[in-house]
Amino acid sequence: MLTAEALAELVSDYNPKSNSVKIIEAYKYGQIKHEGQFRKSGEPYFTHPVSVAEILAEQRILLKIPVLPNKKSPSFFRTRYLNWLMG
């Protein structure tokens, strides 16, 4: 699984104006919010959004949302964090 720093570097390779700090923060926030969630295979759920983020970054698609928590997380925190993340 890609690390937060590796994901930020992957994005900055095609978008030098990207904010690596915010990408790393979003990754860590998503990681915390997905803690304790597992896929049917037994692997941590967070591997899925990180894989999606990696695919999007490799295809040079705008990356902000994939690593953030799903709807199981309190919407107040998701909305507040998205507002902060997008500036």
N, C-alpha and C. Protein backbone atom coordinates (compact mmCIF):
# COMPACT_ATOMS: atom_id res chain seq x y z
N MET A 1 0.85 -1.18 0.00
CA MET A 1 0.00 0.00 0.00
C MET A 1 0.90 1.24 0.00
N LEU A 2 0.50 2.20 -0.78
CA LEU A 2 1.20 3.46 -0.90
C LEU A 2 1.19 4.23 0.42
N THR A 3 2.30 4.84 0.78
CA THR A 3 2.34 5.69 1.97
C THR A 3 1.77 7.06 1.64
N ALA A 4 1.48 7.83 2.67
CA ALA A 4 0.96 9.19 2.47
C ALA A 4 1.96 10.03 1.70
N GLU A 5 3.21 9.90 2.04
CA GLU A 5 4.26 10.69 1.39
C GLU A 5 4.43 10.29 -0.07
N ALA A 6 4.34 8.98 -0.35
CA ALA A 6 4.48 8.50 -1.72
C ALA A 6 3.31 8.98 -2.58
N LEU A 7 2.11 8.99 -2.00
CA LEU A 7 0.94 9.49 -2.72
C LEU A 7 1.10 10.98 -3.02
N ALA A 8 1.54 11.75 -2.05
CA ALA A 8 1.74 13.18 -2.25
C ALA A 8 2.79 13.43 -3.33
N GLU A 9 3.84 12.61 -3.35
CA GLU A 9 4.89 12.75 -4.37
C GLU A 9 4.36 12.39 -5.75
N LEU A 10 3.55 11.34 -5.82
CA LEU A 10 2.95 10.92 -7.09
C LEU A 10 2.10 12.05 -7.68
N VAL A 11 1.32 12.71 -6.82
CA VAL A 11 0.48 13.81 -7.29
C VAL A 11 1.34 15.01 -7.69
N SER A 12 2.35 15.32 -6.89
CA SER A 12 3.18 16.50 -7.19
C SER A 12 4.01 16.32 -8.46
N ASP A 13 4.23 15.07 -8.87
CA ASP A 13 4.96 14.82 -10.12
C ASP A 13 4.23 15.40 -11.32
N TYR A 14 2.89 15.34 -11.30
CA TYR A 14 2.14 15.88 -12.43
C TYR A 14 1.48 17.21 -12.10
N ASN A 15 1.43 17.56 -10.82
CA ASN A 15 0.83 18.83 -10.43
C ASN A 15 1.72 19.49 -9.37
N PRO A 16 2.74 20.21 -9.80
CA PRO A 16 3.67 20.84 -8.87
C PRO A 16 3.02 21.83 -7.91
N LYS A 17 1.82 22.31 -8.26
CA LYS A 17 1.12 23.25 -7.38
C LYS A 17 0.29 22.54 -6.31
N SER A 18 0.28 21.21 -6.33
CA SER A 18 -0.50 20.48 -5.33
C SER A 18 0.05 20.73 -3.94
N ASN A 19 -0.80 20.60 -2.96
CA ASN A 19 -0.42 20.84 -1.58
C ASN A 19 -0.15 19.50 -0.90
N SER A 20 1.11 19.11 -0.87
CA SER A 20 1.50 17.82 -0.30
C SER A 20 1.09 17.68 1.15
N VAL A 21 1.15 18.77 1.89
CA VAL A 21 0.77 18.73 3.31
C VAL A 21 -0.69 18.33 3.45
N LYS A 22 -1.56 18.92 2.64
CA LYS A 22 -2.98 18.59 2.72
C LYS A 22 -3.27 17.17 2.25
N ILE A 23 -2.54 16.70 1.24
CA ILE A 23 -2.72 15.33 0.78
C ILE A 23 -2.33 14.36 1.89
N ILE A 24 -1.22 14.62 2.55
CA ILE A 24 -0.77 13.76 3.64
C ILE A 24 -1.76 13.81 4.80
N GLU A 25 -2.26 15.00 5.10
CA GLU A 25 -3.25 15.13 6.18
C GLU A 25 -4.53 14.38 5.85
N ALA A 26 -5.00 14.48 4.60
CA ALA A 26 -6.21 13.77 4.19
C ALA A 26 -6.00 12.26 4.30
N TYR A 27 -4.85 11.79 3.90
CA TYR A 27 -4.51 10.38 3.99
C TYR A 27 -4.57 9.92 5.45
N LYS A 28 -3.90 10.66 6.32
CA LYS A 28 -3.86 10.29 7.74
C LYS A 28 -5.24 10.36 8.39
N TYR A 29 -6.03 11.35 7.99
CA TYR A 29 -7.39 11.48 8.51
C TYR A 29 -8.22 10.28 8.09
N GLY A 30 -8.14 9.92 6.82
CA GLY A 30 -8.87 8.75 6.33
C GLY A 30 -8.40 7.47 7.01
N GLN A 31 -7.11 7.36 7.22
CA GLN A 31 -6.55 6.18 7.89
C GLN A 31 -7.12 6.04 9.30
N ILE A 32 -7.19 7.13 10.02
CA ILE A 32 -7.73 7.11 11.39
C ILE A 32 -9.21 6.74 11.36
N LYS A 33 -9.96 7.36 10.46
CA LYS A 33 -11.41 7.12 10.41
C LYS A 33 -11.76 5.72 9.94
N HIS A 34 -10.87 5.08 9.18
CA HIS A 34 -11.13 3.71 8.72
C HIS A 34 -10.52 2.66 9.65
N GLU A 35 -9.89 3.10 10.71
CA GLU A 35 -9.26 2.17 11.64
C GLU A 35 -10.30 1.17 12.18
N GLY A 36 -9.94 -0.09 12.16
CA GLY A 36 -10.84 -1.13 12.66
C GLY A 36 -11.82 -1.65 11.63
N GLN A 37 -11.82 -1.08 10.41
CA GLN A 37 -12.70 -1.55 9.35
C GLN A 37 -11.91 -2.50 8.45
N PHE A 38 -12.53 -3.64 8.13
CA PHE A 38 -11.84 -4.64 7.32
C PHE A 38 -12.72 -5.09 6.15
N ARG A 39 -12.08 -5.47 5.07
CA ARG A 39 -12.77 -6.03 3.91
C ARG A 39 -13.08 -7.49 4.20
N LYS A 40 -13.93 -8.10 3.40
CA LYS A 40 -14.27 -9.52 3.60
C LYS A 40 -13.03 -10.39 3.55
N SER A 41 -12.04 -9.97 2.80
CA SER A 41 -10.79 -10.73 2.68
C SER A 41 -9.97 -10.69 3.96
N GLY A 42 -10.30 -9.75 4.85
CA GLY A 42 -9.55 -9.60 6.09
C GLY A 42 -8.53 -8.48 6.06
N GLU A 43 -8.26 -7.95 4.88
CA GLU A 43 -7.29 -6.86 4.82
C GLU A 43 -7.96 -5.56 5.28
N PRO A 44 -7.17 -4.62 5.79
CA PRO A 44 -7.75 -3.36 6.25
C PRO A 44 -8.50 -2.67 5.12
N TYR A 45 -9.65 -2.08 5.44
CA TYR A 45 -10.48 -1.41 4.44
C TYR A 45 -9.71 -0.27 3.77
N PHE A 46 -8.85 0.40 4.50
CA PHE A 46 -8.17 1.58 3.99
C PHE A 46 -7.32 1.28 2.76
N THR A 47 -6.98 0.02 2.53
CA THR A 47 -6.22 -0.31 1.31
C THR A 47 -7.02 0.03 0.06
N HIS A 48 -8.35 -0.04 0.14
CA HIS A 48 -9.19 0.25 -1.03
C HIS A 48 -9.13 1.73 -1.43
N PRO A 49 -9.44 2.67 -0.53
CA PRO A 49 -9.38 4.07 -0.95
C PRO A 49 -7.97 4.52 -1.35
N VAL A 50 -6.95 3.93 -0.75
CA VAL A 50 -5.58 4.29 -1.14
C VAL A 50 -5.30 3.78 -2.55
N SER A 51 -5.77 2.58 -2.86
CA SER A 51 -5.60 2.04 -4.21
C SER A 51 -6.32 2.90 -5.25
N VAL A 52 -7.52 3.35 -4.91
CA VAL A 52 -8.28 4.23 -5.81
C VAL A 52 -7.52 5.54 -6.00
N ALA A 53 -7.02 6.11 -4.93
CA ALA A 53 -6.26 7.36 -5.01
C ALA A 53 -5.02 7.18 -5.88
N GLU A 54 -4.35 6.04 -5.74
CA GLU A 54 -3.16 5.78 -6.54
C GLU A 54 -3.51 5.69 -8.03
N ILE A 55 -4.58 4.98 -8.35
CA ILE A 55 -5.01 4.86 -9.75
C ILE A 55 -5.35 6.24 -10.32
N LEU A 56 -6.09 7.04 -9.56
CA LEU A 56 -6.45 8.38 -10.03
C LEU A 56 -5.22 9.25 -10.23
N ALA A 57 -4.28 9.15 -9.31
CA ALA A 57 -3.06 9.95 -9.43
C ALA A 57 -2.25 9.51 -10.64
N GLU A 58 -2.17 8.20 -10.87
CA GLU A 58 -1.43 7.70 -12.03
C GLU A 58 -2.08 8.15 -13.34
N GLN A 59 -3.39 8.30 -13.33
CA GLN A 59 -4.11 8.75 -14.52
C GLN A 59 -4.21 10.28 -14.56
N ARG A 60 -3.57 10.92 -13.61
CA ARG A 60 -3.52 12.38 -13.53
C ARG A 60 -4.89 13.01 -13.39
N ILE A 61 -5.73 12.37 -12.60
CA ILE A 61 -7.06 12.88 -12.31
C ILE A 61 -7.02 13.60 -10.98
N LEU A 62 -7.75 14.70 -10.87
CA LEU A 62 -7.78 15.48 -9.64
C LEU A 62 -8.00 14.58 -8.43
N LEU A 63 -7.17 14.72 -7.44
CA LEU A 63 -7.20 13.85 -6.28
C LEU A 63 -7.48 14.65 -5.02
N LYS A 64 -8.62 14.41 -4.39
CA LYS A 64 -8.91 15.01 -3.10
C LYS A 64 -9.74 14.08 -2.24
N ILE A 65 -10.67 13.38 -2.81
CA ILE A 65 -11.68 12.69 -2.05
C ILE A 65 -11.38 11.22 -1.70
N PRO A 66 -10.75 10.41 -2.55
CA PRO A 66 -10.74 8.97 -2.32
C PRO A 66 -10.26 8.47 -0.97
N VAL A 67 -9.30 9.13 -0.34
CA VAL A 67 -8.80 8.60 0.93
C VAL A 67 -9.61 9.02 2.14
N LEU A 68 -10.61 9.88 1.93
CA LEU A 68 -11.42 10.32 3.05
C LEU A 68 -12.42 9.24 3.45
N PRO A 69 -12.90 9.29 4.67
CA PRO A 69 -13.79 8.25 5.17
C PRO A 69 -15.09 8.13 4.39
N ASN A 70 -15.68 6.95 4.48
CA ASN A 70 -16.95 6.71 3.79
C ASN A 70 -18.11 7.23 4.62
N LYS A 71 -19.33 6.91 4.22
CA LYS A 71 -20.52 7.44 4.88
C LYS A 71 -20.72 6.92 6.30
N LYS A 72 -19.98 5.89 6.69
CA LYS A 72 -20.10 5.38 8.06
C LYS A 72 -19.53 6.37 9.07
N SER A 73 -18.68 7.26 8.60
CA SER A 73 -18.09 8.26 9.48
C SER A 73 -19.07 9.40 9.71
N PRO A 74 -18.98 10.05 10.84
CA PRO A 74 -19.90 11.18 11.10
C PRO A 74 -19.80 12.23 10.01
N SER A 75 -20.94 12.59 9.42
CA SER A 75 -20.93 13.53 8.31
C SER A 75 -20.43 14.91 8.71
N PHE A 76 -20.61 15.29 9.97
CA PHE A 76 -20.12 16.59 10.43
C PHE A 76 -18.61 16.69 10.21
N PHE A 77 -17.89 15.65 10.62
CA PHE A 77 -16.43 15.68 10.48
C PHE A 77 -16.02 15.61 9.03
N ARG A 78 -16.71 14.82 8.23
CA ARG A 78 -16.40 14.72 6.81
C ARG A 78 -16.60 16.06 6.11
N THR A 79 -17.75 16.69 6.36
CA THR A 79 -18.05 17.98 5.74
C THR A 79 -17.05 19.04 6.20
N ARG A 80 -16.78 19.08 7.48
CA ARG A 80 -15.84 20.07 8.01
C ARG A 80 -14.45 19.87 7.42
N TYR A 81 -14.02 18.62 7.33
CA TYR A 81 -12.68 18.34 6.80
C TYR A 81 -12.61 18.64 5.31
N LEU A 82 -13.65 18.29 4.57
CA LEU A 82 -13.66 18.61 3.14
C LEU A 82 -13.58 20.12 2.92
N ASN A 83 -14.30 20.88 3.73
CA ASN A 83 -14.25 22.34 3.61
C ASN A 83 -12.84 22.84 3.87
N TRP A 84 -12.17 22.29 4.89
CA TRP A 84 -10.79 22.70 5.18
C TRP A 84 -9.86 22.29 4.06
N LEU A 85 -10.02 21.05 3.59
CA LEU A 85 -9.13 20.51 2.58
C LEU A 85 -9.20 21.29 1.28
N MET A 86 -10.40 21.67 0.90
CA MET A 86 -10.57 22.36 -0.38
C MET A 86 -10.35 23.87 -0.27
N GLY A 87 -10.11 24.32 0.95
CA GLY A 87 -9.80 25.72 1.15
C GLY A 87 -10.98 26.60 0.98
